[in-house]
Amino acid sequence: MVSARQRDDIDKLYKTPRWRKIRLVIIARDFGLCQECKRRGIITKGTIVHHKVEARDDITMFWNENNLELACVACHNKEHPERSGGTKKAKTKANVVKFYATNER
Protein backbone atom coordinates (compact mmCIF):
# COMPACT_ATOMS: atom_id res chain seq x y z
CA MET A 1 0.00 0.00 0.00
CA VAL A 2 1.32 3.44 -0.93
CA SER A 3 1.39 5.90 1.93
CA ALA A 4 0.19 9.46 1.39
CA ARG A 5 2.78 12.17 1.08
CA GLN A 6 3.28 14.50 4.03
CA ARG A 7 1.24 17.69 3.75
CA ASP A 8 3.20 20.95 3.87
CA ASP A 9 2.89 24.74 3.54
CA ILE A 10 2.44 24.51 -0.24
CA ASP A 11 -0.73 22.46 0.25
CA LYS A 12 -2.14 25.30 2.37
CA LEU A 13 -1.89 27.70 -0.60
CA TYR A 14 -4.63 25.75 -2.39
CA LYS A 15 -7.08 26.70 0.39
CA THR A 16 -6.53 30.47 0.13
CA PRO A 17 -8.97 32.99 -1.38
CA ARG A 18 -6.17 34.05 -3.75
CA TRP A 19 -5.92 30.50 -5.18
CA ARG A 20 -9.72 30.19 -5.52
CA LYS A 21 -9.76 33.46 -7.47
CA ILE A 22 -6.88 32.57 -9.82
CA ARG A 23 -8.41 29.11 -10.34
CA LEU A 24 -11.60 30.74 -11.65
CA VAL A 25 -9.54 33.01 -13.92
CA ILE A 26 -7.74 30.00 -15.46
CA ILE A 27 -10.99 28.03 -15.93
CA ALA A 28 -12.51 31.02 -17.76
CA ARG A 29 -9.35 31.67 -19.80
CA ASP A 30 -9.20 28.03 -20.94
CA PHE A 31 -12.97 27.95 -21.63
CA GLY A 32 -13.41 25.02 -19.23
CA LEU A 33 -11.46 22.70 -21.54
CA CYS A 34 -8.51 20.42 -20.83
CA GLN A 35 -5.60 22.05 -22.64
CA GLU A 36 -3.64 18.81 -23.15
CA CYS A 37 -6.63 17.12 -24.79
CA LYS A 38 -7.21 20.26 -26.87
CA ARG A 39 -3.61 20.07 -28.16
CA ARG A 40 -4.45 16.55 -29.38
CA GLY A 41 -7.68 17.71 -31.04
CA ILE A 42 -9.97 16.25 -28.37
CA ILE A 43 -12.61 18.29 -26.54
CA THR A 44 -12.70 17.33 -22.84
CA LYS A 45 -13.95 19.22 -19.81
CA GLY A 46 -11.10 20.34 -17.56
CA THR A 47 -11.55 20.28 -13.79
CA ILE A 48 -8.03 20.66 -12.36
CA VAL A 49 -5.85 23.76 -12.59
CA HIS A 50 -2.41 22.28 -13.20
CA HIS A 51 1.01 23.84 -12.59
CA LYS A 52 3.22 23.19 -15.62
CA VAL A 53 6.29 23.76 -13.42
CA GLU A 54 5.49 22.04 -10.14
CA ALA A 55 5.23 24.28 -7.10
CA ARG A 56 7.72 22.11 -5.23
CA ASP A 57 10.22 22.63 -8.05
CA ASP A 58 9.83 26.42 -8.19
CA ILE A 59 7.52 28.11 -5.69
CA THR A 60 7.97 31.46 -7.46
CA MET A 61 5.86 30.08 -10.33
CA PHE A 62 2.90 29.16 -8.08
CA TRP A 63 0.79 32.25 -8.88
CA ASN A 64 2.05 32.79 -12.45
CA GLU A 65 -0.94 32.46 -14.80
CA ASN A 66 1.39 31.45 -17.65
CA ASN A 67 2.41 28.43 -15.55
CA LEU A 68 -1.20 27.30 -15.07
CA GLU A 69 -3.52 25.41 -17.38
CA LEU A 70 -6.75 23.49 -17.06
CA ALA A 71 -6.51 19.70 -17.20
CA CYS A 72 -8.95 16.80 -17.08
CA VAL A 73 -8.46 14.13 -14.41
CA ALA A 74 -6.93 11.65 -16.90
CA CYS A 75 -4.33 14.12 -18.22
CA HIS A 76 -3.49 15.34 -14.72
CA ASN A 77 -2.99 11.74 -13.56
CA LYS A 78 -0.62 11.16 -16.51
CA GLU A 79 1.41 14.15 -15.32
CA HIS A 80 1.40 12.88 -11.71
CA PRO A 81 1.42 9.06 -11.78
CA GLU A 82 2.86 9.00 -8.25
CA ARG A 83 -0.51 10.15 -6.89
CA SER A 84 -2.21 6.93 -7.96
CA GLY A 85 0.48 4.54 -6.76
CA GLY A 86 2.86 4.75 -9.73
CA THR A 87 6.36 6.15 -9.82
CA LYS A 88 7.10 9.82 -10.27
CA LYS A 89 7.45 10.92 -13.88
CA ALA A 90 11.04 11.60 -14.95
CA LYS A 91 11.82 15.22 -15.72
CA THR A 92 12.38 15.83 -19.40
CA LYS A 93 14.51 18.56 -20.84
CA ALA A 94 12.91 20.74 -23.45
CA ASN A 95 14.29 20.25 -26.93
CA VAL A 96 16.24 23.40 -27.64
CA VAL A 97 17.68 24.20 -31.03
CA LYS A 98 20.33 26.90 -31.05
CA PHE A 99 21.19 28.89 -34.12
CA TYR A 100 24.45 30.75 -34.39
CA ALA A 101 25.28 33.49 -36.83
CA THR A 102 28.25 33.01 -39.11
CA ASN A 103 30.44 35.53 -40.85
CA GLU A 104 29.74 33.99 -44.26
CA ARG A 105 28.26 36.28 -46.90
PDB file of N, CA and C in Angstrom:
ATOM      1  N   MET A   1       0.844  -1.187   0.000  1.00  0.00           N
ATOM      2  CA  MET A   1       0.000   0.000   0.000  1.00  0.00           C
ATOM      3  C   MET A   1       0.884   1.244   0.000  1.00  0.00           C
ATOM      4  N   VAL A   2       0.547   2.209  -0.823  1.00  0.00           N
ATOM      5  CA  VAL A   2       1.323   3.437  -0.930  1.00  0.00           C
ATOM      6  C   VAL A   2       0.839   4.408   0.143  1.00  0.00           C
ATOM      7  N   SER A   3       1.777   4.943   0.894  1.00  0.00           N
ATOM      8  CA  SER A   3       1.386   5.905   1.926  1.00  0.00           C
ATOM      9  C   SER A   3       1.280   7.303   1.316  1.00  0.00           C
ATOM     10  N   ALA A   4       0.394   8.093   1.882  1.00  0.00           N
ATOM     11  CA  ALA A   4       0.191   9.457   1.392  1.00  0.00           C
ATOM     12  C   ALA A   4       1.402  10.310   1.730  1.00  0.00           C
ATOM     13  N   ARG A   5       1.656  11.266   0.860  1.00  0.00           N
ATOM     14  CA  ARG A   5       2.780  12.169   1.084  1.00  0.00           C
ATOM     15  C   ARG A   5       2.438  13.108   2.233  1.00  0.00           C
ATOM     16  N   GLN A   6       3.458  13.545   2.930  1.00  0.00           N
ATOM     17  CA  GLN A   6       3.279  14.504   4.030  1.00  0.00           C
ATOM     18  C   GLN A   6       2.741  15.821   3.481  1.00  0.00           C
ATOM     19  N   ARG A   7       1.772  16.388   4.132  1.00  0.00           N
ATOM     20  CA  ARG A   7       1.238  17.693   3.752  1.00  0.00           C
ATOM     21  C   ARG A   7       2.188  18.777   4.244  1.00  0.00           C
ATOM     22  N   ASP A   8       2.273  19.882   3.509  1.00  0.00           N
ATOM     23  CA  ASP A   8       3.198  20.950   3.875  1.00  0.00           C
ATOM     24  C   ASP A   8       2.573  22.314   3.610  1.00  0.00           C
ATOM     25  N   ASP A   9       3.383  23.367   3.707  1.00  0.00           N
ATOM     26  CA  ASP A   9       2.887  24.735   3.536  1.00  0.00           C
ATOM     27  C   ASP A   9       2.372  25.004   2.123  1.00  0.00           C
ATOM     28  N   ILE A  10       2.910  24.312   1.128  1.00  0.00           N
ATOM     29  CA  ILE A  10       2.437  24.509  -0.244  1.00  0.00           C
ATOM     30  C   ILE A  10       0.985  24.046  -0.369  1.00  0.00           C
ATOM     31  N   ASP A  11       0.642  22.954   0.293  1.00  0.00           N
ATOM     32  CA  ASP A  11      -0.734  22.464   0.255  1.00  0.00           C
ATOM     33  C   ASP A  11      -1.707  23.507   0.794  1.00  0.00           C
ATOM     34  N   LYS A  12      -1.281  24.274   1.769  1.00  0.00           N
ATOM     35  CA  LYS A  12      -2.144  25.295   2.372  1.00  0.00           C
ATOM     36  C   LYS A  12      -2.486  26.402   1.379  1.00  0.00           C
ATOM     37  N   LEU A  13      -1.628  26.644   0.395  1.00  0.00           N
ATOM     38  CA  LEU A  13      -1.888  27.697  -0.597  1.00  0.00           C
ATOM     39  C   LEU A  13      -3.139  27.408  -1.408  1.00  0.00           C
ATOM     40  N   TYR A  14      -3.453  26.120  -1.603  1.00  0.00           N
ATOM     41  CA  TYR A  14      -4.629  25.748  -2.386  1.00  0.00           C
ATOM     42  C   TYR A  14      -5.948  26.045  -1.661  1.00  0.00           C
ATOM     43  N   LYS A  15      -5.884  26.393  -0.398  1.00  0.00           N
ATOM     44  CA  LYS A  15      -7.084  26.696   0.387  1.00  0.00           C
ATOM     45  C   LYS A  15      -7.310  28.204   0.537  1.00  0.00           C
ATOM     46  N   THR A  16      -6.447  29.018  -0.049  1.00  0.00           N
ATOM     47  CA  THR A  16      -6.532  30.466   0.132  1.00  0.00           C
ATOM     48  C   THR A  16      -7.530  31.107  -0.843  1.00  0.00           C
ATOM     49  N   PRO A  17      -8.093  32.256  -0.455  1.00  0.00           N
ATOM     50  CA  PRO A  17      -8.969  32.989  -1.378  1.00  0.00           C
ATOM     51  C   PRO A  17      -8.239  33.379  -2.667  1.00  0.00           C
ATOM     52  N   ARG A  18      -6.946  33.683  -2.559  1.00  0.00           N
ATOM     53  CA  ARG A  18      -6.174  34.054  -3.751  1.00  0.00           C
ATOM     54  C   ARG A  18      -6.143  32.904  -4.754  1.00  0.00           C
ATOM     55  N   TRP A  19      -5.948  31.656  -4.266  1.00  0.00           N
ATOM     56  CA  TRP A  19      -5.924  30.499  -5.175  1.00  0.00           C
ATOM     57  C   TRP A  19      -7.307  30.287  -5.791  1.00  0.00           C
ATOM     58  N   ARG A  20      -8.370  30.394  -4.988  1.00  0.00           N
ATOM     59  CA  ARG A  20      -9.721  30.191  -5.518  1.00  0.00           C
ATOM     60  C   ARG A  20     -10.017  31.195  -6.632  1.00  0.00           C
ATOM     61  N   LYS A  21      -9.534  32.423  -6.457  1.00  0.00           N
ATOM     62  CA  LYS A  21      -9.757  33.460  -7.469  1.00  0.00           C
ATOM     63  C   LYS A  21      -8.974  33.164  -8.745  1.00  0.00           C
ATOM     64  N   ILE A  22      -7.697  32.830  -8.626  1.00  0.00           N
ATOM     65  CA  ILE A  22      -6.881  32.568  -9.823  1.00  0.00           C
ATOM     66  C   ILE A  22      -7.363  31.303 -10.526  1.00  0.00           C
ATOM     67  N   ARG A  23      -7.856  30.345  -9.752  1.00  0.00           N
ATOM     68  CA  ARG A  23      -8.405  29.112 -10.338  1.00  0.00           C
ATOM     69  C   ARG A  23      -9.571  29.454 -11.269  1.00  0.00           C
ATOM     70  N   LEU A  24     -10.467  30.329 -10.818  1.00  0.00           N
ATOM     71  CA  LEU A  24     -11.602  30.738 -11.652  1.00  0.00           C
ATOM     72  C   LEU A  24     -11.140  31.480 -12.905  1.00  0.00           C
ATOM     73  N   VAL A  25     -10.097  32.281 -12.767  1.00  0.00           N
ATOM     74  CA  VAL A  25      -9.541  33.008 -13.923  1.00  0.00           C
ATOM     75  C   VAL A  25      -9.023  32.014 -14.968  1.00  0.00           C
ATOM     76  N   ILE A  26      -8.313  30.981 -14.529  1.00  0.00           N
ATOM     77  CA  ILE A  26      -7.742  29.996 -15.458  1.00  0.00           C
ATOM     78  C   ILE A  26      -8.849  29.177 -16.112  1.00  0.00           C
ATOM     79  N   ILE A  27      -9.869  28.791 -15.355  1.00  0.00           N
ATOM     80  CA  ILE A  27     -10.989  28.034 -15.926  1.00  0.00           C
ATOM     81  C   ILE A  27     -11.668  28.863 -17.017  1.00  0.00           C
ATOM     82  N   ALA A  28     -11.887  30.140 -16.755  1.00  0.00           N
ATOM     83  CA  ALA A  28     -12.505  31.015 -17.756  1.00  0.00           C
ATOM     84  C   ALA A  28     -11.586  31.204 -18.960  1.00  0.00           C
ATOM     85  N   ARG A  29     -10.303  31.449 -18.703  1.00  0.00           N
ATOM     86  CA  ARG A  29      -9.351  31.669 -19.798  1.00  0.00           C
ATOM     87  C   ARG A  29      -9.280  30.461 -20.741  1.00  0.00           C
ATOM     88  N   ASP A  30      -9.318  29.260 -20.143  1.00  0.00           N
ATOM     89  CA  ASP A  30      -9.198  28.034 -20.937  1.00  0.00           C
ATOM     90  C   ASP A  30     -10.564  27.491 -21.370  1.00  0.00           C
ATOM     91  N   PHE A  31     -11.620  28.296 -21.203  1.00  0.00           N
ATOM     92  CA  PHE A  31     -12.973  27.954 -21.630  1.00  0.00           C
ATOM     93  C   PHE A  31     -13.460  26.621 -21.066  1.00  0.00           C
ATOM     94  N   GLY A  32     -12.964  26.255 -19.876  1.00  0.00           N
ATOM     95  CA  GLY A  32     -13.411  25.023 -19.226  1.00  0.00           C
ATOM     96  C   GLY A  32     -12.922  23.747 -19.878  1.00  0.00           C
ATOM     97  N   LEU A  33     -11.932  23.859 -20.782  1.00  0.00           N
ATOM     98  CA  LEU A  33     -11.465  22.696 -21.539  1.00  0.00           C
ATOM     99  C   LEU A  33     -10.060  22.273 -21.109  1.00  0.00           C
ATOM    100  N   CYS A  34      -9.846  20.963 -21.096  1.00  0.00           N
ATOM    101  CA  CYS A  34      -8.512  20.420 -20.828  1.00  0.00           C
ATOM    102  C   CYS A  34      -7.584  20.843 -21.959  1.00  0.00           C
ATOM    103  N   GLN A  35      -6.515  21.517 -21.624  1.00  0.00           N
ATOM    104  CA  GLN A  35      -5.602  22.046 -22.638  1.00  0.00           C
ATOM    105  C   GLN A  35      -4.749  20.962 -23.287  1.00  0.00           C
ATOM    106  N   GLU A  36      -4.414  19.908 -22.559  1.00  0.00           N
ATOM    107  CA  GLU A  36      -3.636  18.807 -23.148  1.00  0.00           C
ATOM    108  C   GLU A  36      -4.491  18.061 -24.168  1.00  0.00           C
ATOM    109  N   CYS A  37      -5.730  17.768 -23.828  1.00  0.00           N
ATOM    110  CA  CYS A  37      -6.635  17.123 -24.789  1.00  0.00           C
ATOM    111  C   CYS A  37      -6.833  18.017 -26.017  1.00  0.00           C
ATOM    112  N   LYS A  38      -6.998  19.308 -25.771  1.00  0.00           N
ATOM    113  CA  LYS A  38      -7.209  20.262 -26.870  1.00  0.00           C
ATOM    114  C   LYS A  38      -6.026  20.248 -27.830  1.00  0.00           C
ATOM    115  N   ARG A  39      -4.801  20.132 -27.290  1.00  0.00           N
ATOM    116  CA  ARG A  39      -3.606  20.071 -28.161  1.00  0.00           C
ATOM    117  C   ARG A  39      -3.635  18.833 -29.053  1.00  0.00           C
ATOM    118  N   ARG A  40      -4.338  17.786 -28.602  1.00  0.00           N
ATOM    119  CA  ARG A  40      -4.447  16.553 -29.381  1.00  0.00           C
ATOM    120  C   ARG A  40      -5.720  16.513 -30.216  1.00  0.00           C
ATOM    121  N   GLY A  41      -6.469  17.625 -30.239  1.00  0.00           N
ATOM    122  CA  GLY A  41      -7.675  17.710 -31.045  1.00  0.00           C
ATOM    123  C   GLY A  41      -8.890  17.064 -30.409  1.00  0.00           C
ATOM    124  N   ILE A  42      -8.861  16.875 -29.095  1.00  0.00           N
ATOM    125  CA  ILE A  42      -9.968  16.255 -28.367  1.00  0.00           C
ATOM    126  C   ILE A  42     -10.595  17.308 -27.451  1.00  0.00           C
ATOM    127  N   ILE A  43     -11.906  17.340 -27.404  1.00  0.00           N
ATOM    128  CA  ILE A  43     -12.611  18.288 -26.541  1.00  0.00           C
ATOM    129  C   ILE A  43     -13.014  17.545 -25.259  1.00  0.00           C
ATOM    130  N   THR A  44     -12.426  17.951 -24.136  1.00  0.00           N
ATOM    131  CA  THR A  44     -12.699  17.332 -22.840  1.00  0.00           C
ATOM    132  C   THR A  44     -12.828  18.427 -21.792  1.00  0.00           C
ATOM    133  N   LYS A  45     -13.777  18.258 -20.893  1.00  0.00           N
ATOM    134  CA  LYS A  45     -13.950  19.221 -19.805  1.00  0.00           C
ATOM    135  C   LYS A  45     -12.755  19.129 -18.856  1.00  0.00           C
ATOM    136  N   GLY A  46     -12.191  20.284 -18.526  1.00  0.00           N
ATOM    137  CA  GLY A  46     -11.102  20.338 -17.560  1.00  0.00           C
ATOM    138  C   GLY A  46     -11.648  20.658 -16.185  1.00  0.00           C
ATOM    139  N   THR A  47     -11.074  20.040 -15.155  1.00  0.00           N
ATOM    140  CA  THR A  47     -11.546  20.279 -13.786  1.00  0.00           C
ATOM    141  C   THR A  47     -10.416  20.633 -12.826  1.00  0.00           C
ATOM    142  N   ILE A  48      -9.181  20.449 -13.249  1.00  0.00           N
ATOM    143  CA  ILE A  48      -8.027  20.661 -12.360  1.00  0.00           C
ATOM    144  C   ILE A  48      -7.135  21.742 -12.945  1.00  0.00           C
ATOM    145  N   VAL A  49      -6.818  22.756 -12.151  1.00  0.00           N
ATOM    146  CA  VAL A  49      -5.854  23.765 -12.586  1.00  0.00           C
ATOM    147  C   VAL A  49      -4.466  23.207 -12.252  1.00  0.00           C
ATOM    148  N   HIS A  50      -3.695  22.969 -13.290  1.00  0.00           N
ATOM    149  CA  HIS A  50      -2.408  22.280 -13.197  1.00  0.00           C
ATOM    150  C   HIS A  50      -1.245  23.257 -13.320  1.00  0.00           C
ATOM    151  N   HIS A  51      -0.239  23.076 -12.468  1.00  0.00           N
ATOM    152  CA  HIS A  51       1.014  23.835 -12.590  1.00  0.00           C
ATOM    153  C   HIS A  51       1.922  23.118 -13.581  1.00  0.00           C
ATOM    154  N   LYS A  52       2.307  23.783 -14.653  1.00  0.00           N
ATOM    155  CA  LYS A  52       3.223  23.186 -15.623  1.00  0.00           C
ATOM    156  C   LYS A  52       4.576  22.925 -14.971  1.00  0.00           C
ATOM    157  N   VAL A  53       5.090  23.929 -14.249  1.00  0.00           N
ATOM    158  CA  VAL A  53       6.287  23.758 -13.419  1.00  0.00           C
ATOM    159  C   VAL A  53       5.772  23.547 -12.008  1.00  0.00           C
ATOM    160  N   GLU A  54       6.033  22.374 -11.458  1.00  0.00           N
ATOM    161  CA  GLU A  54       5.494  22.039 -10.143  1.00  0.00           C
ATOM    162  C   GLU A  54       5.900  23.056  -9.077  1.00  0.00           C
ATOM    163  N   ALA A  55       4.980  23.325  -8.175  1.00  0.00           N
ATOM    164  CA  ALA A  55       5.225  24.283  -7.100  1.00  0.00           C
ATOM    165  C   ALA A  55       6.424  23.865  -6.255  1.00  0.00           C
ATOM    166  N   ARG A  56       6.591  22.578  -6.050  1.00  0.00           N
ATOM    167  CA  ARG A  56       7.716  22.108  -5.232  1.00  0.00           C
ATOM    168  C   ARG A  56       9.057  22.238  -5.964  1.00  0.00           C
ATOM    169  N   ASP A  57       9.006  22.410  -7.279  1.00  0.00           N
ATOM    170  CA  ASP A  57      10.225  22.631  -8.050  1.00  0.00           C
ATOM    171  C   ASP A  57      10.600  24.102  -8.105  1.00  0.00           C
ATOM    172  N   ASP A  58       9.584  24.981  -8.120  1.00  0.00           N
ATOM    173  CA  ASP A  58       9.834  26.421  -8.193  1.00  0.00           C
ATOM    174  C   ASP A  58       8.620  27.170  -7.638  1.00  0.00           C
ATOM    175  N   ILE A  59       8.654  27.468  -6.359  1.00  0.00           N
ATOM    176  CA  ILE A  59       7.519  28.106  -5.695  1.00  0.00           C
ATOM    177  C   ILE A  59       7.220  29.495  -6.266  1.00  0.00           C
ATOM    178  N   THR A  60       8.205  30.130  -6.885  1.00  0.00           N
ATOM    179  CA  THR A  60       7.970  31.462  -7.460  1.00  0.00           C
ATOM    180  C   THR A  60       6.991  31.410  -8.627  1.00  0.00           C
ATOM    181  N   MET A  61       6.772  30.232  -9.200  1.00  0.00           N
ATOM    182  CA  MET A  61       5.855  30.080 -10.332  1.00  0.00           C
ATOM    183  C   MET A  61       4.428  29.732  -9.888  1.00  0.00           C
ATOM    184  N   PHE A  62       4.186  29.622  -8.585  1.00  0.00           N
ATOM    185  CA  PHE A  62       2.897  29.157  -8.083  1.00  0.00           C
ATOM    186  C   PHE A  62       1.738  30.022  -8.565  1.00  0.00           C
ATOM    187  N   TRP A  63       1.880  31.336  -8.528  1.00  0.00           N
ATOM    188  CA  TRP A  63       0.788  32.248  -8.878  1.00  0.00           C
ATOM    189  C   TRP A  63       0.856  32.725 -10.330  1.00  0.00           C
ATOM    190  N   ASN A  64       1.851  32.322 -11.083  1.00  0.00           N
ATOM    191  CA  ASN A  64       2.049  32.785 -12.453  1.00  0.00           C
ATOM    192  C   ASN A  64       1.001  32.152 -13.380  1.00  0.00           C
ATOM    193  N   GLU A  65       0.124  32.968 -13.935  1.00  0.00           N
ATOM    194  CA  GLU A  65      -0.940  32.457 -14.803  1.00  0.00           C
ATOM    195  C   GLU A  65      -0.396  31.741 -16.034  1.00  0.00           C
ATOM    196  N   ASN A  66       0.783  32.123 -16.502  1.00  0.00           N
ATOM    197  CA  ASN A  66       1.388  31.450 -17.653  1.00  0.00           C
ATOM    198  C   ASN A  66       1.885  30.041 -17.298  1.00  0.00           C
ATOM    199  N   ASN A  67       1.983  29.746 -16.012  1.00  0.00           N
ATOM    200  CA  ASN A  67       2.409  28.430 -15.551  1.00  0.00           C
ATOM    201  C   ASN A  67       1.212  27.537 -15.229  1.00  0.00           C
ATOM    202  N   LEU A  68       0.014  28.039 -15.417  1.00  0.00           N
ATOM    203  CA  LEU A  68      -1.196  27.296 -15.066  1.00  0.00           C
ATOM    204  C   LEU A  68      -2.011  26.971 -16.303  1.00  0.00           C
ATOM    205  N   GLU A  69      -2.596  25.776 -16.308  1.00  0.00           N
ATOM    206  CA  GLU A  69      -3.517  25.405 -17.376  1.00  0.00           C
ATOM    207  C   GLU A  69      -4.542  24.424 -16.829  1.00  0.00           C
ATOM    208  N   LEU A  70      -5.678  24.379 -17.481  1.00  0.00           N
ATOM    209  CA  LEU A  70      -6.747  23.493 -17.061  1.00  0.00           C
ATOM    210  C   LEU A  70      -6.495  22.096 -17.617  1.00  0.00           C
ATOM    211  N   ALA A  71      -6.722  21.081 -16.788  1.00  0.00           N
ATOM    212  CA  ALA A  71      -6.510  19.695 -17.199  1.00  0.00           C
ATOM    213  C   ALA A  71      -7.686  18.841 -16.756  1.00  0.00           C
ATOM    214  N   CYS A  72      -7.962  17.780 -17.510  1.00  0.00           N
ATOM    215  CA  CYS A  72      -8.948  16.798 -17.080  1.00  0.00           C
ATOM    216  C   CYS A  72      -8.253  15.852 -16.094  1.00  0.00           C
ATOM    217  N   VAL A  73      -9.023  15.039 -15.405  1.00  0.00           N
ATOM    218  CA  VAL A  73      -8.456  14.128 -14.413  1.00  0.00           C
ATOM    219  C   VAL A  73      -7.460  13.165 -15.069  1.00  0.00           C
ATOM    220  N   ALA A  74      -7.811  12.622 -16.233  1.00  0.00           N
ATOM    221  CA  ALA A  74      -6.934  11.649 -16.904  1.00  0.00           C
ATOM    222  C   ALA A  74      -5.581  12.270 -17.263  1.00  0.00           C
ATOM    223  N   CYS A  75      -5.597  13.462 -17.841  1.00  0.00           N
ATOM    224  CA  CYS A  75      -4.331  14.121 -18.223  1.00  0.00           C
ATOM    225  C   CYS A  75      -3.530  14.510 -16.982  1.00  0.00           C
ATOM    226  N   HIS A  76      -4.203  14.967 -15.944  1.00  0.00           N
ATOM    227  CA  HIS A  76      -3.495  15.336 -14.723  1.00  0.00           C
ATOM    228  C   HIS A  76      -2.855  14.101 -14.089  1.00  0.00           C
ATOM    229  N   ASN A  77      -3.561  12.974 -14.111  1.00  0.00           N
ATOM    230  CA  ASN A  77      -2.989  11.741 -13.564  1.00  0.00           C
ATOM    231  C   ASN A  77      -1.788  11.258 -14.371  1.00  0.00           C
ATOM    232  N   LYS A  78      -1.786  11.511 -15.683  1.00  0.00           N
ATOM    233  CA  LYS A  78      -0.618  11.160 -16.507  1.00  0.00           C
ATOM    234  C   LYS A  78       0.588  12.002 -16.103  1.00  0.00           C
ATOM    235  N   GLU A  79       0.336  13.272 -15.741  1.00  0.00           N
ATOM    236  CA  GLU A  79       1.414  14.150 -15.315  1.00  0.00           C
ATOM    237  C   GLU A  79       1.918  13.807 -13.920  1.00  0.00           C
ATOM    238  N   HIS A  80       1.049  13.207 -13.097  1.00  0.00           N
ATOM    239  CA  HIS A  80       1.397  12.884 -11.707  1.00  0.00           C
ATOM    240  C   HIS A  80       1.068  11.428 -11.387  1.00  0.00           C
ATOM    241  N   PRO A  81       1.737  10.479 -12.029  1.00  0.00           N
ATOM    242  CA  PRO A  81       1.421   9.060 -11.782  1.00  0.00           C
ATOM    243  C   PRO A  81       1.686   8.631 -10.344  1.00  0.00           C
ATOM    244  N   GLU A  82       2.540   9.348  -9.637  1.00  0.00           N
ATOM    245  CA  GLU A  82       2.857   8.996  -8.247  1.00  0.00           C
ATOM    246  C   GLU A  82       1.648   9.152  -7.330  1.00  0.00           C
ATOM    247  N   ARG A  83       0.668   9.928  -7.733  1.00  0.00           N
ATOM    248  CA  ARG A  83      -0.510  10.151  -6.893  1.00  0.00           C
ATOM    249  C   ARG A  83      -1.476   8.973  -6.917  1.00  0.00           C
ATOM    250  N   SER A  84      -1.326   8.095  -7.900  1.00  0.00           N
ATOM    251  CA  SER A  84      -2.212   6.929  -7.961  1.00  0.00           C
ATOM    252  C   SER A  84      -1.415   5.632  -7.789  1.00  0.00           C
ATOM    253  N   GLY A  85      -0.291   5.722  -7.084  1.00  0.00           N
ATOM    254  CA  GLY A  85       0.476   4.535  -6.757  1.00  0.00           C
ATOM    255  C   GLY A  85       1.614   4.213  -7.709  1.00  0.00           C
ATOM    256  N   GLY A  86       1.772   4.989  -8.779  1.00  0.00           N
ATOM    257  CA  GLY A  86       2.859   4.752  -9.728  1.00  0.00           C
ATOM    258  C   GLY A  86       4.139   5.431  -9.262  1.00  0.00           C
ATOM    259  N   THR A  87       5.115   5.459 -10.146  1.00  0.00           N
ATOM    260  CA  THR A  87       6.363   6.146  -9.816  1.00  0.00           C
ATOM    261  C   THR A  87       6.341   7.533 -10.438  1.00  0.00           C
ATOM    262  N   LYS A  88       7.060   8.439  -9.810  1.00  0.00           N
ATOM    263  CA  LYS A  88       7.099   9.821 -10.265  1.00  0.00           C
ATOM    264  C   LYS A  88       7.659   9.894 -11.671  1.00  0.00           C
ATOM    265  N   LYS A  89       7.052  10.730 -12.490  1.00  0.00           N
ATOM    266  CA  LYS A  89       7.455  10.920 -13.877  1.00  0.00           C
ATOM    267  C   LYS A  89       8.840  11.563 -13.936  1.00  0.00           C
ATOM    268  N   ALA A  90       9.694  11.042 -14.796  1.00  0.00           N
ATOM    269  CA  ALA A  90      11.038  11.602 -14.947  1.00  0.00           C
ATOM    270  C   ALA A  90      10.951  12.972 -15.595  1.00  0.00           C
ATOM    271  N   LYS A  91      11.776  13.886 -15.142  1.00  0.00           N
ATOM    272  CA  LYS A  91      11.817  15.223 -15.725  1.00  0.00           C
ATOM    273  C   LYS A  91      12.438  15.132 -17.113  1.00  0.00           C
ATOM    274  N   THR A  92      11.828  15.807 -18.053  1.00  0.00           N
ATOM    275  CA  THR A  92      12.383  15.827 -19.405  1.00  0.00           C
ATOM    276  C   THR A  92      12.900  17.220 -19.695  1.00  0.00           C
ATOM    277  N   LYS A  93      13.969  17.267 -20.439  1.00  0.00           N
ATOM    278  CA  LYS A  93      14.512  18.558 -20.843  1.00  0.00           C
ATOM    279  C   LYS A  93      13.830  18.966 -22.135  1.00  0.00           C
ATOM    280  N   ALA A  94      13.523  20.229 -22.229  1.00  0.00           N
ATOM    281  CA  ALA A  94      12.910  20.738 -23.452  1.00  0.00           C
ATOM    282  C   ALA A  94      13.912  20.636 -24.589  1.00  0.00           C
ATOM    283  N   ASN A  95      13.414  20.286 -25.765  1.00  0.00           N
ATOM    284  CA  ASN A  95      14.293  20.246 -26.932  1.00  0.00           C
ATOM    285  C   ASN A  95      14.583  21.670 -27.362  1.00  0.00           C
ATOM    286  N   VAL A  96      15.831  22.039 -27.301  1.00  0.00           N
ATOM    287  CA  VAL A  96      16.237  23.395 -27.637  1.00  0.00           C
ATOM    288  C   VAL A  96      17.160  23.333 -28.846  1.00  0.00           C
ATOM    289  N   VAL A  97      16.841  24.113 -29.840  1.00  0.00           N
ATOM    290  CA  VAL A  97      17.680  24.204 -31.029  1.00  0.00           C
ATOM    291  C   VAL A  97      18.313  25.581 -31.009  1.00  0.00           C
ATOM    292  N   LYS A  98      19.624  25.617 -31.060  1.00  0.00           N
ATOM    293  CA  LYS A  98      20.327  26.897 -31.048  1.00  0.00           C
ATOM    294  C   LYS A  98      20.845  27.199 -32.444  1.00  0.00           C
ATOM    295  N   PHE A  99      20.679  28.427 -32.828  1.00  0.00           N
ATOM    296  CA  PHE A  99      21.188  28.889 -34.121  1.00  0.00           C
ATOM    297  C   PHE A  99      22.259  29.933 -33.855  1.00  0.00           C
ATOM    298  N   TYR A 100      23.349  29.811 -34.549  1.00  0.00           N
ATOM    299  CA  TYR A 100      24.446  30.749 -34.385  1.00  0.00           C
ATOM    300  C   TYR A 100      24.697  31.455 -35.714  1.00  0.00           C
ATOM    301  N   ALA A 101      24.969  32.719 -35.628  1.00  0.00           N
ATOM    302  CA  ALA A 101      25.282  33.491 -36.832  1.00  0.00           C
ATOM    303  C   ALA A 101      26.699  33.165 -37.279  1.00  0.00           C
ATOM    304  N   THR A 102      26.897  33.204 -38.568  1.00  0.00           N
ATOM    305  CA  THR A 102      28.248  33.008 -39.114  1.00  0.00           C
ATOM    306  C   THR A 102      28.668  34.273 -39.834  1.00  0.00           C
ATOM    307  N   ASN A 103      29.918  34.361 -40.131  1.00  0.00           N
ATOM    308  CA  ASN A 103      30.442  35.528 -40.845  1.00  0.00           C
ATOM    309  C   ASN A 103      30.403  35.341 -42.350  1.00  0.00           C
ATOM    310  N   GLU A 104      29.812  34.245 -42.815  1.00  0.00           N
ATOM    311  CA  GLU A 104      29.738  33.994 -44.259  1.00  0.00           C
ATOM    312  C   GLU A 104      28.769  34.973 -44.912  1.00  0.00           C
ATOM    313  N   ARG A 105      29.126  35.379 -46.139  1.00  0.00           N
ATOM    314  CA  ARG A 105      28.258  36.284 -46.901  1.00  0.00           C
ATOM    315  C   ARG A 105      28.056  35.778 -48.270  1.00  0.00           C
TER     316      ARG A 105
END
